[in-house]
C-alpha atoms as a PDB file:
ATOM      1  CA  MET A   1       0.000   0.000   0.000  1.00  0.00           C
ATOM      2  CA  SER A   2       1.199   3.513  -0.752  1.00  0.00           C
ATOM      3  CA  GLU A   3       2.617   5.438   2.168  1.00  0.00           C
ATOM      4  CA  ASN A   4       0.827   8.534   0.846  1.00  0.00           C
ATOM      5  CA  LYS A   5      -2.590   6.978   1.238  1.00  0.00           C
ATOM      6  CA  ILE A   6      -4.690   7.564   4.326  1.00  0.00           C
ATOM      7  CA  ALA A   7      -6.954   4.783   5.561  1.00  0.00           C
ATOM      8  CA  ILE A   8     -10.627   5.765   5.421  1.00  0.00           C
ATOM      9  CA  GLY A   9     -11.889   2.899   7.557  1.00  0.00           C
ATOM     10  CA  GLN A  10     -11.046  -0.010   9.827  1.00  0.00           C
ATOM     11  CA  ILE A  11     -12.131  -3.592  10.382  1.00  0.00           C
ATOM     12  CA  TYR A  12     -12.553  -4.529  14.031  1.00  0.00           C
ATOM     13  CA  ALA A  13     -13.090  -7.775  15.920  1.00  0.00           C
ATOM     14  CA  VAL A  14     -14.908  -8.127  19.241  1.00  0.00           C
ATOM     15  CA  THR A  15     -13.951 -10.575  21.987  1.00  0.00           C
ATOM     16  CA  ASP A  16     -14.644 -11.196  25.661  1.00  0.00           C
ATOM     17  CA  VAL A  17     -11.527 -11.381  27.839  1.00  0.00           C
ATOM     18  CA  SER A  18     -12.748 -14.715  29.219  1.00  0.00           C
ATOM     19  CA  GLU A  19     -12.351 -16.143  25.682  1.00  0.00           C
ATOM     20  CA  PRO A  20      -9.605 -14.021  24.116  1.00  0.00           C
ATOM     21  CA  ASP A  21      -9.088 -16.399  21.180  1.00  0.00           C
ATOM     22  CA  ARG A  22     -12.769 -16.450  20.185  1.00  0.00           C
ATOM     23  CA  ILE A  23     -13.906 -13.701  17.834  1.00  0.00           C
ATOM     24  CA  ARG A  24     -17.620 -13.088  18.440  1.00  0.00           C
ATOM     25  CA  TYR A  25     -18.275 -10.268  15.978  1.00  0.00           C
ATOM     26  CA  VAL A  26     -16.553  -8.490  13.075  1.00  0.00           C
ATOM     27  CA  GLY A  27     -17.526  -5.052  11.843  1.00  0.00           C
ATOM     28  CA  LEU A  28     -16.312  -2.039   9.892  1.00  0.00           C
ATOM     29  CA  THR A  29     -16.205   1.647  10.713  1.00  0.00           C
ATOM     30  CA  THR A  30     -15.184   4.903   9.084  1.00  0.00           C
ATOM     31  CA  ARG A  31     -15.473   6.876  12.328  1.00  0.00           C
ATOM     32  CA  GLY A  32     -12.891   5.127  14.486  1.00  0.00           C
ATOM     33  CA  VAL A  33     -13.326   2.031  16.619  1.00  0.00           C
ATOM     34  CA  LYS A  34     -13.869   3.892  19.888  1.00  0.00           C
ATOM     35  CA  THR A  35     -16.741   5.868  18.395  1.00  0.00           C
ATOM     36  CA  ARG A  36     -18.253   2.755  16.804  1.00  0.00           C
ATOM     37  CA  ALA A  37     -17.939   0.806  20.049  1.00  0.00           C
ATOM     38  CA  SER A  38     -19.738   3.594  21.906  1.00  0.00           C
ATOM     39  CA  GLY A  39     -22.554   3.372  19.367  1.00  0.00           C
ATOM     40  CA  HIS A  40     -22.806  -0.392  19.818  1.00  0.00           C
ATOM     41  CA  TRP A  41     -23.079  -0.019  23.608  1.00  0.00           C
ATOM     42  CA  THR A  42     -25.828   2.584  23.227  1.00  0.00           C
ATOM     43  CA  ASP A  43     -27.760   0.452  20.718  1.00  0.00           C
ATOM     44  CA  SER A  44     -27.458  -2.615  22.944  1.00  0.00           C
ATOM     45  CA  ARG A  45     -29.965  -1.181  25.417  1.00  0.00           C
ATOM     46  CA  THR A  46     -32.845  -1.378  22.939  1.00  0.00           C
ATOM     47  CA  SER A  47     -31.732  -3.484  19.952  1.00  0.00           C
ATOM     48  CA  THR A  48     -32.820  -7.127  19.628  1.00  0.00           C
ATOM     49  CA  TYR A  49     -29.862  -8.247  17.493  1.00  0.00           C
ATOM     50  CA  PRO A  50     -27.708 -11.083  18.923  1.00  0.00           C
ATOM     51  CA  PHE A  51     -24.634  -8.857  19.154  1.00  0.00           C
ATOM     52  CA  SER A  52     -26.629  -6.273  21.093  1.00  0.00           C
ATOM     53  CA  HIS A  53     -27.812  -9.014  23.450  1.00  0.00           C
ATOM     54  CA  PHE A  54     -24.168 -10.084  23.892  1.00  0.00           C
ATOM     55  CA  LEU A  55     -23.223  -6.522  24.882  1.00  0.00           C
ATOM     56  CA  ARG A  56     -26.304  -5.960  27.038  1.00  0.00           C
ATOM     57  CA  LYS A  57     -25.348  -8.929  29.233  1.00  0.00           C
ATOM     58  CA  ARG A  58     -21.974  -7.234  29.795  1.00  0.00           C
ATOM     59  CA  LEU A  59     -23.074  -3.644  30.443  1.00  0.00           C
ATOM     60  CA  ASP A  60     -21.749  -3.871  33.995  1.00  0.00           C
ATOM     61  CA  ARG A  61     -18.351  -5.118  32.857  1.00  0.00           C
ATOM     62  CA  ARG A  62     -17.617  -3.216  29.666  1.00  0.00           C
ATOM     63  CA  GLU A  63     -13.914  -3.398  30.397  1.00  0.00           C
ATOM     64  CA  ASP A  64     -14.060  -7.149  29.659  1.00  0.00           C
ATOM     65  CA  VAL A  65     -15.183  -6.586  26.059  1.00  0.00           C
ATOM     66  CA  ARG A  66     -12.449  -5.838  23.541  1.00  0.00           C
ATOM     67  CA  PHE A  67     -12.951  -3.958  20.255  1.00  0.00           C
ATOM     68  CA  GLU A  68      -9.684  -4.542  18.387  1.00  0.00           C
ATOM     69  CA  VAL A  69      -8.615  -3.199  14.999  1.00  0.00           C
ATOM     70  CA  ILE A  70      -7.505  -6.080  12.776  1.00  0.00           C
ATOM     71  CA  ASP A  71      -7.319  -4.388   9.375  1.00  0.00           C
ATOM     72  CA  GLU A  72      -7.791  -1.102   7.520  1.00  0.00           C
ATOM     73  CA  ALA A  73      -8.776   0.012   4.031  1.00  0.00           C
ATOM     74  CA  TYR A  74      -8.233   2.950   1.704  1.00  0.00           C
ATOM     75  CA  ASP A  75     -11.608   3.126  -0.079  1.00  0.00           C
ATOM     76  CA  MET A  76     -15.132   1.896   0.610  1.00  0.00           C
ATOM     77  CA  ASP A  77     -15.022  -0.983  -1.872  1.00  0.00           C
ATOM     78  CA  GLU A  78     -11.888  -2.323  -0.228  1.00  0.00           C
ATOM     79  CA  LEU A  79     -13.391  -1.812   3.248  1.00  0.00           C
ATOM     80  CA  ASN A  80     -16.536  -3.784   2.340  1.00  0.00           C
ATOM     81  CA  GLU A  81     -14.491  -6.537   0.715  1.00  0.00           C
ATOM     82  CA  LYS A  82     -12.255  -6.874   3.732  1.00  0.00           C
ATOM     83  CA  GLU A  83     -15.187  -7.018   6.123  1.00  0.00           C
ATOM     84  CA  MET A  84     -16.700  -9.875   4.108  1.00  0.00           C
ATOM     85  CA  ALA A  85     -13.359 -11.652   3.926  1.00  0.00           C
ATOM     86  CA  TRP A  86     -12.730 -11.479   7.654  1.00  0.00           C
ATOM     87  CA  ILE A  87     -16.263 -12.603   8.534  1.00  0.00           C
ATOM     88  CA  ALA A  88     -15.908 -15.570   6.173  1.00  0.00           C
ATOM     89  CA  HIS A  89     -12.481 -16.385   7.614  1.00  0.00           C
ATOM     90  CA  PHE A  90     -13.621 -16.426  11.226  1.00  0.00           C
ATOM     91  CA  ARG A  91     -16.798 -18.333  10.375  1.00  0.00           C
ATOM     92  CA  GLU A  92     -14.644 -21.108   8.969  1.00  0.00           C
ATOM     93  CA  LEU A  93     -13.016 -21.230  12.406  1.00  0.00           C
ATOM     94  CA  GLY A  94     -16.431 -21.595  14.036  1.00  0.00           C
ATOM     95  CA  GLN A  95     -16.402 -17.961  15.173  1.00  0.00           C
ATOM     96  CA  ALA A  96     -18.060 -14.628  14.267  1.00  0.00           C
ATOM     97  CA  ASP A  97     -21.274 -16.294  15.419  1.00  0.00           C
ATOM     98  CA  LEU A  98     -22.952 -12.962  16.176  1.00  0.00           C
ATOM     99  CA  ASN A  99     -22.659 -11.669  12.599  1.00  0.00           C
ATOM    100  CA  LEU A 100     -26.072 -12.136  10.960  1.00  0.00           C
ATOM    101  CA  THR A 101     -24.944 -11.128   7.456  1.00  0.00           C
ATOM    102  CA  ASP A 102     -21.911 -11.774   5.305  1.00  0.00           C
ATOM    103  CA  GLY A 103     -20.800  -8.143   5.716  1.00  0.00           C
ATOM    104  CA  GLY A 104     -20.088  -5.694   2.921  1.00  0.00           C
ATOM    105  CA  GLY A 105     -23.440  -4.011   3.370  1.00  0.00           C
ATOM    106  CA  GLY A 106     -25.268  -7.196   4.297  1.00  0.00           C
ATOM    107  CA  VAL A 107     -25.457  -8.623   0.786  1.00  0.00           C
ATOM    108  CA  LYS A 108     -25.801 -12.400   0.857  1.00  0.00           C
ATOM    109  CA  GLY A 109     -24.761 -14.824  -1.849  1.00  0.00           C
ATOM    110  CA  ARG A 110     -22.208 -12.478  -3.400  1.00  0.00           C
ATOM    111  CA  LYS A 111     -19.160 -14.192  -4.896  1.00  0.00           C
ATOM    112  CA  MET A 112     -15.828 -13.253  -3.397  1.00  0.00           C
ATOM    113  CA  SER A 113     -13.474 -11.149  -5.478  1.00  0.00           C
ATOM    114  CA  ASP A 114      -9.851 -12.079  -6.057  1.00  0.00           C
ATOM    115  CA  ALA A 115      -8.880  -9.444  -3.490  1.00  0.00           C
ATOM    116  CA  GLU A 116     -11.112 -11.041  -0.843  1.00  0.00           C
ATOM    117  CA  LYS A 117      -9.723 -14.475  -1.572  1.00  0.00           C
ATOM    118  CA  GLU A 118      -6.192 -13.151  -1.159  1.00  0.00           C
ATOM    119  CA  ILE A 119      -7.111 -11.566   2.188  1.00  0.00           C
ATOM    120  CA  ARG A 120      -8.583 -14.838   3.420  1.00  0.00           C
ATOM    121  CA  SER A 121      -5.631 -16.813   2.148  1.00  0.00           C
ATOM    122  CA  GLN A 122      -3.172 -14.628   4.023  1.00  0.00           C
ATOM    123  CA  ALA A 123      -5.326 -14.555   7.135  1.00  0.00           C
ATOM    124  CA  MET A 124      -5.422 -18.342   7.234  1.00  0.00           C
ATOM    125  CA  ILE A 125      -1.649 -18.545   7.478  1.00  0.00           C
ATOM    126  CA  GLY A 126      -1.406 -15.757  10.015  1.00  0.00           C
ATOM    127  CA  VAL A 127       0.299 -13.233   7.719  1.00  0.00           C
ATOM    128  CA  PHE A 128      -2.483 -10.656   7.577  1.00  0.00           C
ATOM    129  CA  ARG A 129      -2.636  -9.941  11.316  1.00  0.00           C
ATOM    130  CA  GLY A 130      -4.491 -13.183  11.897  1.00  0.00           C
ATOM    131  CA  ASP A 131      -1.667 -14.390  14.112  1.00  0.00           C
ATOM    132  CA  LYS A 132      -2.993 -12.024  16.795  1.00  0.00           C
ATOM    133  CA  HIS A 133      -5.934 -14.275  17.500  1.00  0.00           C
ATOM    134  CA  GLY A 134      -4.406 -17.229  19.261  1.00  0.00           C
ATOM    135  CA  GLY A 135      -3.971 -20.795  18.115  1.00  0.00           C
ATOM    136  CA  GLU A 136      -6.926 -20.835  15.717  1.00  0.00           C
ATOM    137  CA  VAL A 137      -4.767 -19.698  12.792  1.00  0.00           C
ATOM    138  CA  LYS A 138      -2.270 -22.486  13.485  1.00  0.00           C
ATOM    139  CA  LEU A 139      -4.935 -24.982  12.478  1.00  0.00           C
ATOM    140  CA  SER A 140      -6.428 -25.714   9.075  1.00  0.00           C
ATOM    141  CA  TRP A 141      -9.315 -27.903   7.985  1.00  0.00           C
ATOM    142  CA  GLU A 142      -6.772 -30.585   7.080  1.00  0.00           C
ATOM    143  CA  LYS A 143      -5.338 -30.523  10.604  1.00  0.00           C
ATOM    144  CA  VAL A 144      -8.796 -30.389  12.201  1.00  0.00           C
ATOM    145  CA  ARG A 145      -9.896 -33.469  10.274  1.00  0.00           C
ATOM    146  CA  ALA A 146      -6.673 -35.247  11.262  1.00  0.00           C
ATOM    147  CA  ILE A 147      -7.283 -34.439  14.953  1.00  0.00           C
ATOM    148  CA  ARG A 148     -10.844 -35.752  14.766  1.00  0.00           C
ATOM    149  CA  SER A 149      -9.799 -38.856  12.845  1.00  0.00           C
ATOM    150  CA  GLN A 150      -7.161 -39.663  15.457  1.00  0.00           C
ATOM    151  CA  ALA A 151      -9.630 -39.019  18.269  1.00  0.00           C
ATOM    152  CA  ALA A 152     -12.020 -41.538  16.727  1.00  0.00           C
ATOM    153  CA  GLU A 153      -9.294 -44.199  16.543  1.00  0.00           C
ATOM    154  CA  GLN A 154      -7.468 -43.749  19.832  1.00  0.00           C
ATOM    155  CA  TRP A 155      -7.895 -41.751  23.022  1.00  0.00           C
ATOM    156  CA  ARG A 156      -5.141 -39.305  23.935  1.00  0.00           C
ATOM    157  CA  PRO A 157      -5.115 -36.563  26.588  1.00  0.00           C
ATOM    158  CA  HIS A 158      -6.145 -33.308  24.981  1.00  0.00           C
ATOM    159  CA  TYR A 159      -3.160 -31.457  26.398  1.00  0.00           C
ATOM    160  CA  GLU A 160      -0.826 -33.856  24.560  1.00  0.00           C
ATOM    161  CA  ILE A 161      -2.603 -33.240  21.261  1.00  0.00           C
ATOM    162  CA  ALA A 162      -2.454 -29.502  21.970  1.00  0.00           C
ATOM    163  CA  LYS A 163       1.331 -29.694  22.327  1.00  0.00           C
ATOM    164  CA  ASP A 164       1.599 -31.520  18.987  1.00  0.00           C
ATOM    165  CA  TYR A 165      -0.164 -28.649  17.202  1.00  0.00           C
ATOM    166  CA  GLY A 166       1.108 -25.760  19.313  1.00  0.00           C
ATOM    167  CA  VAL A 167      -2.362 -24.671  20.432  1.00  0.00           C
ATOM    168  CA  SER A 168      -4.312 -24.543  23.694  1.00  0.00           C
ATOM    169  CA  THR A 169      -5.952 -27.514  25.380  1.00  0.00           C
ATOM    170  CA  ASP A 170      -9.403 -25.921  25.299  1.00  0.00           C
ATOM    171  CA  LEU A 171      -9.103 -25.389  21.534  1.00  0.00           C
ATOM    172  CA  ILE A 172      -8.386 -29.094  21.002  1.00  0.00           C
ATOM    173  CA  SER A 173     -11.292 -29.996  23.282  1.00  0.00           C
ATOM    174  CA  GLY A 174     -13.526 -27.687  21.246  1.00  0.00           C
ATOM    175  CA  VAL A 175     -12.381 -29.224  17.955  1.00  0.00           C
ATOM    176  CA  ILE A 176     -13.117 -32.750  19.184  1.00  0.00           C
ATOM    177  CA  ARG A 177     -16.484 -31.691  20.670  1.00  0.00           C
ATOM    178  CA  ASN A 178     -17.299 -29.764  17.452  1.00  0.00           C
ATOM    179  CA  SER A 179     -17.844 -26.493  19.330  1.00  0.00           C
ATOM    180  CA  ARG A 180     -14.858 -24.996  17.491  1.00  0.00           C
ATOM    181  CA  TRP A 181     -14.271 -25.436  13.739  1.00  0.00           C
ATOM    182  CA  ARG A 182     -17.854 -26.649  13.451  1.00  0.00           C
ATOM    183  CA  ASP A 183     -18.634 -29.251  10.791  1.00  0.00           C
ATOM    184  CA  GLU A 184     -22.198 -30.482  10.287  1.00  0.00           C
ATOM    185  CA  ASP A 185     -20.899 -33.752   8.859  1.00  0.00           C
ATOM    186  CA  TYR A 186     -18.710 -34.526  11.876  1.00  0.00           C
ATOM    187  CA  ASP A 187     -20.129 -36.736  14.642  1.00  0.00           C
ATOM    188  CA  ALA A 188     -18.439 -35.816  17.920  1.00  0.00           C
ATOM    189  CA  SER A 189     -19.803 -38.942  19.603  1.00  0.00           C
ATOM    190  CA  LEU A 190     -17.341 -41.007  17.551  1.00  0.00           C
ATOM    191  CA  ALA A 191     -14.406 -39.696  19.581  1.00  0.00           C
ATOM    192  CA  MET A 192     -12.947 -42.375  21.832  1.00  0.00           C
ATOM    193  CA  LYS A 193     -13.678 -42.010  25.538  1.00  0.00           C
ATOM    194  CA  ARG A 194     -10.932 -42.126  28.120  1.00  0.00           C
ATOM    195  CA  PRO A 195     -10.228 -45.736  29.192  1.00  0.00           C
ATOM    196  CA  PRO A 196     -10.672 -46.268  32.956  1.00  0.00           C
ATOM    197  CA  GLU A 197      -7.086 -47.451  33.324  1.00  0.00           C
ATOM    198  CA  THR A 198      -5.781 -44.069  32.132  1.00  0.00           C
ATOM    199  CA  ARG A 199      -7.360 -42.076  34.945  1.00  0.00           C
ATOM    200  CA  ALA A 200      -4.618 -39.796  36.120  1.00  0.00           C
ATOM    201  CA  ASN A 201      -2.966 -39.897  39.500  1.00  0.00           C
ATOM    202  CA  ASN A 202      -0.520 -37.564  41.147  1.00  0.00           C
ATOM    203  CA  ARG A 203       2.499 -38.899  39.282  1.00  0.00           C
ATOM    204  CA  GLN A 204       0.908 -38.874  35.827  1.00  0.00           C
ATOM    205  CA  ILE A 205      -0.122 -35.232  35.620  1.00  0.00           C
ATOM    206  CA  PRO A 206       2.627 -32.929  34.305  1.00  0.00           C
ATOM    207  CA  TYR A 207       3.131 -29.870  36.462  1.00  0.00           C
ATOM    208  CA  SER A 208       2.585 -27.697  33.377  1.00  0.00           C
ATOM    209  CA  VAL A 209      -1.001 -28.978  33.320  1.00  0.00           C
ATOM    210  CA  VAL A 210      -1.395 -28.163  37.016  1.00  0.00           C
ATOM    211  CA  VAL A 211      -0.294 -24.585  36.323  1.00  0.00           C
ATOM    212  CA  GLU A 212      -2.624 -24.299  33.312  1.00  0.00           C
ATOM    213  CA  ILE A 213      -5.627 -25.474  35.354  1.00  0.00           C
ATOM    214  CA  ARG A 214      -4.917 -23.001  38.143  1.00  0.00           C
ATOM    215  CA  GLU A 215      -4.461 -20.122  35.718  1.00  0.00           C
ATOM    216  CA  LEU A 216      -7.695 -21.078  33.943  1.00  0.00           C
ATOM    217  CA  ARG A 217      -9.704 -20.806  37.175  1.00  0.00           C
ATOM    218  CA  GLN A 218      -7.977 -17.558  38.064  1.00  0.00           C
ATOM    219  CA  ARG A 219      -9.404 -16.078  34.842  1.00  0.00           C
ATOM    220  CA  GLU A 220     -12.964 -17.382  35.023  1.00  0.00           C
ATOM    221  CA  TRP A 221     -15.213 -19.736  36.934  1.00  0.00           C
ATOM    222  CA  ILE A 222     -15.623 -23.132  35.276  1.00  0.00           C
ATOM    223  CA  PRO A 223     -17.052 -26.137  37.165  1.00  0.00           C
ATOM    224  CA  GLU A 224     -14.452 -28.663  38.278  1.00  0.00           C
ATOM    225  CA  THR A 225     -16.289 -31.359  36.336  1.00  0.00           C
ATOM    226  CA  GLU A 226     -15.891 -29.355  33.108  1.00  0.00           C
ATOM    227  CA  ILE A 227     -12.197 -28.742  33.742  1.00  0.00           C
ATOM    228  CA  ALA A 228     -11.786 -32.457  34.380  1.00  0.00           C
ATOM    229  CA  LYS A 229     -13.280 -33.199  30.950  1.00  0.00           C
ATOM    230  CA  MET A 230     -11.055 -30.625  29.254  1.00  0.00           C
ATOM    231  CA  PHE A 231      -7.880 -32.173  30.666  1.00  0.00           C
ATOM    232  CA  ASN A 232      -9.082 -35.781  30.848  1.00  0.00           C
ATOM    233  CA  LEU A 233      -8.704 -35.921  34.620  1.00  0.00           C
ATOM    234  CA  THR A 234     -10.947 -36.889  37.498  1.00  0.00           C
ATOM    235  CA  ARG A 235     -12.900 -34.249  39.372  1.00  0.00           C
ATOM    236  CA  SER A 236     -10.963 -35.094  42.543  1.00  0.00           C
ATOM    237  CA  ASN A 237      -7.700 -34.436  40.671  1.00  0.00           C
ATOM    238  CA  VAL A 238      -8.942 -30.990  39.673  1.00  0.00           C
ATOM    239  CA  HIS A 239     -10.224 -30.234  43.165  1.00  0.00           C
ATOM    240  CA  ASN A 240      -6.897 -31.198  44.735  1.00  0.00           C
ATOM    241  CA  ILE A 241      -5.042 -29.034  42.191  1.00  0.00           C
ATOM    242  CA  LEU A 242      -7.224 -25.975  42.840  1.00  0.00           C
ATOM    243  CA  SER A 243      -7.205 -26.383  46.618  1.00  0.00           C
ATOM    244  CA  ASN A 244      -3.418 -26.909  46.677  1.00  0.00           C
ATOM    245  CA  ALA A 245      -3.988 -30.161  48.576  1.00  0.00           C
ATOM    246  CA  ARG A 246      -1.800 -31.986  46.053  1.00  0.00           C
ATOM    247  CA  TRP A 247       0.885 -30.644  43.724  1.00  0.00           C
ATOM    248  CA  VAL A 248       1.540 -28.170  46.523  1.00  0.00           C
ATOM    249  CA  ASP A 249       2.942 -24.796  45.507  1.00  0.00           C
ATOM    250  CA  PRO A 250       3.686 -22.388  48.397  1.00  0.00           C
ATOM    251  CA  GLU A 251       3.349 -19.416  46.021  1.00  0.00           C
ATOM    252  CA  TYR A 252      -0.109 -20.457  44.797  1.00  0.00           C
ATOM    253  CA  ASP A 253      -3.075 -19.085  46.754  1.00  0.00           C
ATOM    254  CA  PRO A 254      -6.274 -21.190  46.420  1.00  0.00           C
ATOM    255  CA  ALA A 255      -8.260 -18.059  47.301  1.00  0.00           C
ATOM    256  CA  SER A 256      -7.095 -16.460  44.042  1.00  0.00           C
ATOM    257  CA  VAL A 257      -9.436 -18.576  41.909  1.00  0.00           C
ATOM    258  CA  VAL A 258     -12.809 -17.235  40.833  1.00  0.00           C
ATOM    259  CA  PRO A 259     -15.510 -18.561  43.201  1.00  0.00           C
ATOM    260  CA  ALA A 260     -18.668 -20.323  42.072  1.00  0.00           C
ATOM    261  CA  GLY A 261     -20.970 -17.789  40.480  1.00  0.00           C
ATOM    262  CA  GLY A 262     -18.113 -15.369  39.908  1.00  0.00           C
ATOM    263  CA  ASN A 263     -17.039 -14.024  36.549  1.00  0.00           C
ATOM    264  CA  GLY A 264     -13.851 -12.099  37.188  1.00  0.00           C
ATOM    265  CA  ARG A 265     -10.171 -12.963  37.363  1.00  0.00           C
ATOM    266  CA  GLY A 266     -10.156 -14.282  40.868  1.00  0.00           C
ATOM    267  CA  SER A 267     -10.649 -12.882  44.340  1.00  0.00           C
ATOM    268  CA  LYS A 268      -9.093 -13.141  47.794  1.00  0.00           C
ATOM    269  CA  MET A 269     -12.304 -12.020  49.450  1.00  0.00           C
ATOM    270  CA  THR A 270     -14.187 -14.175  51.904  1.00  0.00           C
ATOM    271  CA  GLU A 271     -17.908 -14.818  52.228  1.00  0.00           C
ATOM    272  CA  ALA A 272     -17.890 -12.668  55.362  1.00  0.00           C
ATOM    273  CA  ASP A 273     -16.448  -9.774  53.306  1.00  0.00           C
ATOM    274  CA  VAL A 274     -19.180 -10.228  50.704  1.00  0.00           C
ATOM    275  CA  ILE A 275     -21.923 -10.143  53.332  1.00  0.00           C
ATOM    276  CA  GLN A 276     -20.395  -7.057  54.951  1.00  0.00           C
ATOM    277  CA  ILE A 277     -20.179  -5.263  51.584  1.00  0.00           C
ATOM    278  CA  ARG A 278     -23.865  -5.947  50.884  1.00  0.00           C
ATOM    279  CA  LYS A 279     -24.906  -4.760  54.347  1.00  0.00           C
ATOM    280  CA  ARG A 280     -22.960  -1.512  54.005  1.00  0.00           C
ATOM    281  CA  ALA A 281     -24.397  -0.896  50.539  1.00  0.00           C
ATOM    282  CA  ALA A 282     -27.923  -1.574  51.840  1.00  0.00           C
ATOM    283  CA  SER A 283     -27.381   0.992  54.600  1.00  0.00           C
ATOM    284  CA  GLY A 284     -26.794   3.665  51.979  1.00  0.00           C
ATOM    285  CA  GLU A 285     -22.999   3.858  51.959  1.00  0.00           C
ATOM    286  CA  THR A 286     -21.551   4.655  48.529  1.00  0.00           C
ATOM    287  CA  GLN A 287     -19.964   1.879  46.524  1.00  0.00           C
ATOM    288  CA  ALA A 288     -16.865   4.011  46.014  1.00  0.00           C
ATOM    289  CA  SER A 289     -16.340   4.254  49.783  1.00  0.00           C
ATOM    290  CA  ILE A 290     -16.821   0.514  50.245  1.00  0.00           C
ATOM    291  CA  ALA A 291     -14.428  -0.229  47.382  1.00  0.00           C
ATOM    292  CA  ARG A 292     -11.701   1.905  48.993  1.00  0.00           C
ATOM    293  CA  ASP A 293     -12.040   0.096  52.324  1.00  0.00           C
ATOM    294  CA  PHE A 294     -11.766  -3.350  50.737  1.00  0.00           C
ATOM    295  CA  GLY A 295      -9.097  -2.412  48.215  1.00  0.00           C
ATOM    296  CA  ILE A 296     -11.182  -3.407  45.190  1.00  0.00           C
ATOM    297  CA  LYS A 297     -12.769  -1.656  42.205  1.00  0.00           C
ATOM    298  CA  GLN A 298     -16.192  -0.036  42.456  1.00  0.00           C
ATOM    299  CA  THR A 299     -17.382  -2.279  39.623  1.00  0.00           C
ATOM    300  CA  GLN A 300     -16.549  -5.313  41.779  1.00  0.00           C
ATOM    301  CA  VAL A 301     -18.630  -3.895  44.628  1.00  0.00           C
ATOM    302  CA  SER A 302     -21.505  -3.351  42.201  1.00  0.00           C
ATOM    303  CA  ARG A 303     -21.347  -6.956  40.989  1.00  0.00           C
ATOM    304  CA  ILE A 304     -21.220  -8.319  44.543  1.00  0.00           C
ATOM    305  CA  VAL A 305     -24.222  -6.225  45.586  1.00  0.00           C
ATOM    306  CA  ARG A 306     -26.229  -7.392  42.564  1.00  0.00           C
ATOM    307  CA  GLY A 307     -25.115 -10.994  42.901  1.00  0.00           C
ATOM    308  CA  THR A 308     -23.407 -11.270  39.527  1.00  0.00           C
ATOM    309  CA  ARG A 309     -20.286 -12.123  41.519  1.00  0.00           C
ATOM    310  CA  TRP A 310     -20.323 -14.335  44.596  1.00  0.00           C
ATOM    311  CA  GLY A 311     -23.840 -15.297  43.594  1.00  0.00           C
ATOM    312  CA  HIS A 312     -23.602 -18.474  45.652  1.00  0.00           C
ATOM    313  CA  VAL A 313     -23.637 -16.329  48.804  1.00  0.00           C
ATOM    314  CA  LYS A 314     -27.333 -15.524  49.163  1.00  0.00           C
ATOM    315  CA  GLU A 315     -27.237 -13.404  52.303  1.00  0.00           C
ATOM    316  CA  GLY A 316     -27.821  -9.765  51.527  1.00  0.00           C
ATOM    317  CA  LEU A 317     -29.298 -10.330  48.054  1.00  0.00           C
END
């Protein structure tokens, strides 16, 4: 592109920090991403579109939603083409699920131009900024089919497969479950189940997996049973890892994981703290004052008071 040209628009991708590798929506703007994002948040209060519903559920935690520029264009035709190309690219990865149209003005059934095909081709190999979106671009349909074929023939721990392909464990789990790289012709029930004799014990679990599990629960709350499925472990294994009862690490604090019903990056608060916060808020004290006393953000106080965090503690709700 000529250095003398000035971009007239941008392509942006929207993610939630709890799933940073999953693109939920792709859009274009000629006004700047911050301005467009502000418009989306305003529209979300009344609009019935899926993307608006996605935003409306996160109005109290806007900081967790990322609007990220992934491309730019120098005329409107190019901008529309690139929007269509990126939507098509992420849909092939099982993403951009909140885009109702193919982009480019919402025209469906339009054949892709050579320029669009080139954009998609480069995006698929991570050249055209696609490498910013995690392990998805390291896979291809050929690799996905190979993973599923192997899973149907022989059981292997998902974290081992992830190492083979240089991607995350949850991505491999999603591929095998067909929640990522969706394929209507693929039957996820064909994947081999874990043989009883392979149930992990203390000696069989690599410490790297222990660290990954702890970091996962420090980012978001996921039931221990679900984590056990992701890593092909028993629930008791996961519980012992998170509680620091086994694989003991003196620098790991079990209180740092997100509690049941929580949706943040972890908390060292106790149930007694939560109850006290709700009582003080009910008495009329400002959330800002409470936040200062407990050394947390005002948004965290708001979520605790409304029960969107620490929802399992019912007192004070």
